[in-house]
Amino acid sequence: MDVVNDLLMLTSARTFAATGDGLRRRQAAGLSLREVAAAVGISPTTLWRWEKGQRTPRGRAAIAWACLLDELGRKVRTR
């Protein structure tokens, strides 16, 4: 496990949540709330709260979410 990379991704997850960019990236990729929540191992309600900035993303699921959003950002830009 790369601790530095994990911490950087956790920081990214929190930025995605605070700015609403996580929601924008998911929608731009055409993915549903349920699809992304299942992919990162959380409930749709938790993801919704993250996307709305109502909860701070934490733990391994937050890191997985940030990794997914980072990749989605790359894919959407290259279309």
Protein backbone atom coordinates (compact mmCIF):
# COMPACT_ATOMS: atom_id res chain seq x y z
CA MET A 1 0.00 0.00 0.00
CA ASP A 2 1.32 3.40 -0.96
CA VAL A 3 0.44 5.57 2.03
CA VAL A 4 1.37 8.85 0.35
CA ASN A 5 -0.75 8.09 -2.70
CA ASP A 6 -3.67 7.04 -0.49
CA LEU A 7 -3.49 10.30 1.43
CA LEU A 8 -3.34 12.29 -1.79
CA MET A 9 -6.40 10.46 -3.10
CA LEU A 10 -8.22 11.03 0.19
CA THR A 11 -7.50 14.74 -0.17
CA SER A 12 -8.84 14.58 -3.72
CA ALA A 13 -12.01 12.84 -2.53
CA ARG A 14 -12.63 15.61 -0.05
CA THR A 15 -12.07 18.23 -2.73
CA PHE A 16 -14.45 16.43 -5.11
CA ALA A 17 -17.08 16.47 -2.35
CA ALA A 18 -16.54 20.08 -1.29
CA THR A 19 -16.63 21.48 -4.83
CA GLY A 20 -19.35 19.29 -6.33
CA ASP A 21 -16.89 18.06 -8.94
CA GLY A 22 -17.57 14.44 -8.00
CA LEU A 23 -21.21 14.81 -8.98
CA ARG A 24 -20.29 16.57 -12.23
CA ARG A 25 -17.78 13.89 -13.22
CA ARG A 26 -20.19 11.06 -12.48
CA GLN A 27 -22.95 12.69 -14.50
CA ALA A 28 -20.62 13.54 -17.38
CA ALA A 29 -19.64 9.86 -17.54
CA GLY A 30 -23.30 8.83 -17.63
CA LEU A 31 -23.08 6.73 -14.46
CA SER A 32 -25.87 6.42 -11.94
CA LEU A 33 -25.52 7.06 -8.24
CA ARG A 34 -26.22 3.38 -7.57
CA GLU A 35 -23.57 2.21 -10.04
CA VAL A 36 -20.83 4.32 -8.53
CA ALA A 37 -21.87 3.57 -4.96
CA ALA A 38 -21.76 -0.17 -5.66
CA ALA A 39 -18.38 0.14 -7.39
CA VAL A 40 -16.77 1.82 -4.38
CA GLY A 41 -18.61 -0.21 -1.73
CA ILE A 42 -20.90 2.34 -0.10
CA SER A 43 -24.62 3.00 -0.03
CA PRO A 44 -26.18 5.34 -2.58
CA THR A 45 -27.23 7.56 0.34
CA THR A 46 -23.63 7.92 1.49
CA LEU A 47 -22.48 8.77 -2.02
CA TRP A 48 -25.29 11.30 -2.39
CA ARG A 49 -24.20 12.96 0.85
CA TRP A 50 -20.59 13.07 -0.35
CA GLU A 51 -21.62 14.53 -3.68
CA LYS A 52 -23.75 17.20 -2.00
CA GLY A 53 -20.96 18.08 0.43
CA GLN A 54 -23.06 16.99 3.41
CA ARG A 55 -20.54 14.39 4.61
CA THR A 56 -16.78 14.20 4.45
CA PRO A 57 -15.51 11.19 2.49
CA ARG A 58 -13.41 8.89 4.67
CA GLY A 59 -11.63 5.57 4.51
CA ARG A 60 -10.90 3.11 1.74
CA ALA A 61 -14.19 3.82 -0.03
CA ALA A 62 -13.29 7.51 -0.29
CA ILE A 63 -9.94 6.58 -1.81
CA ALA A 64 -11.66 4.25 -4.29
CA TRP A 65 -14.15 7.00 -5.18
CA ALA A 66 -11.36 9.50 -5.80
CA CYS A 67 -9.48 7.01 -7.98
CA LEU A 68 -12.63 6.39 -10.00
CA LEU A 69 -13.37 10.10 -10.38
CA ASP A 70 -9.78 10.81 -11.36
CA GLU A 71 -10.00 8.19 -14.09
CA LEU A 72 -13.42 9.43 -15.21
CA GLY A 73 -12.00 12.92 -15.51
CA ARG A 74 -9.30 11.62 -17.83
CA LYS A 75 -11.75 9.60 -19.93
CA VAL A 76 -14.25 12.44 -20.34
CA ARG A 77 -11.50 14.87 -21.39
CA THR A 78 -10.20 12.49 -24.05
CA ARG A 79 -13.54 11.84 -25.73
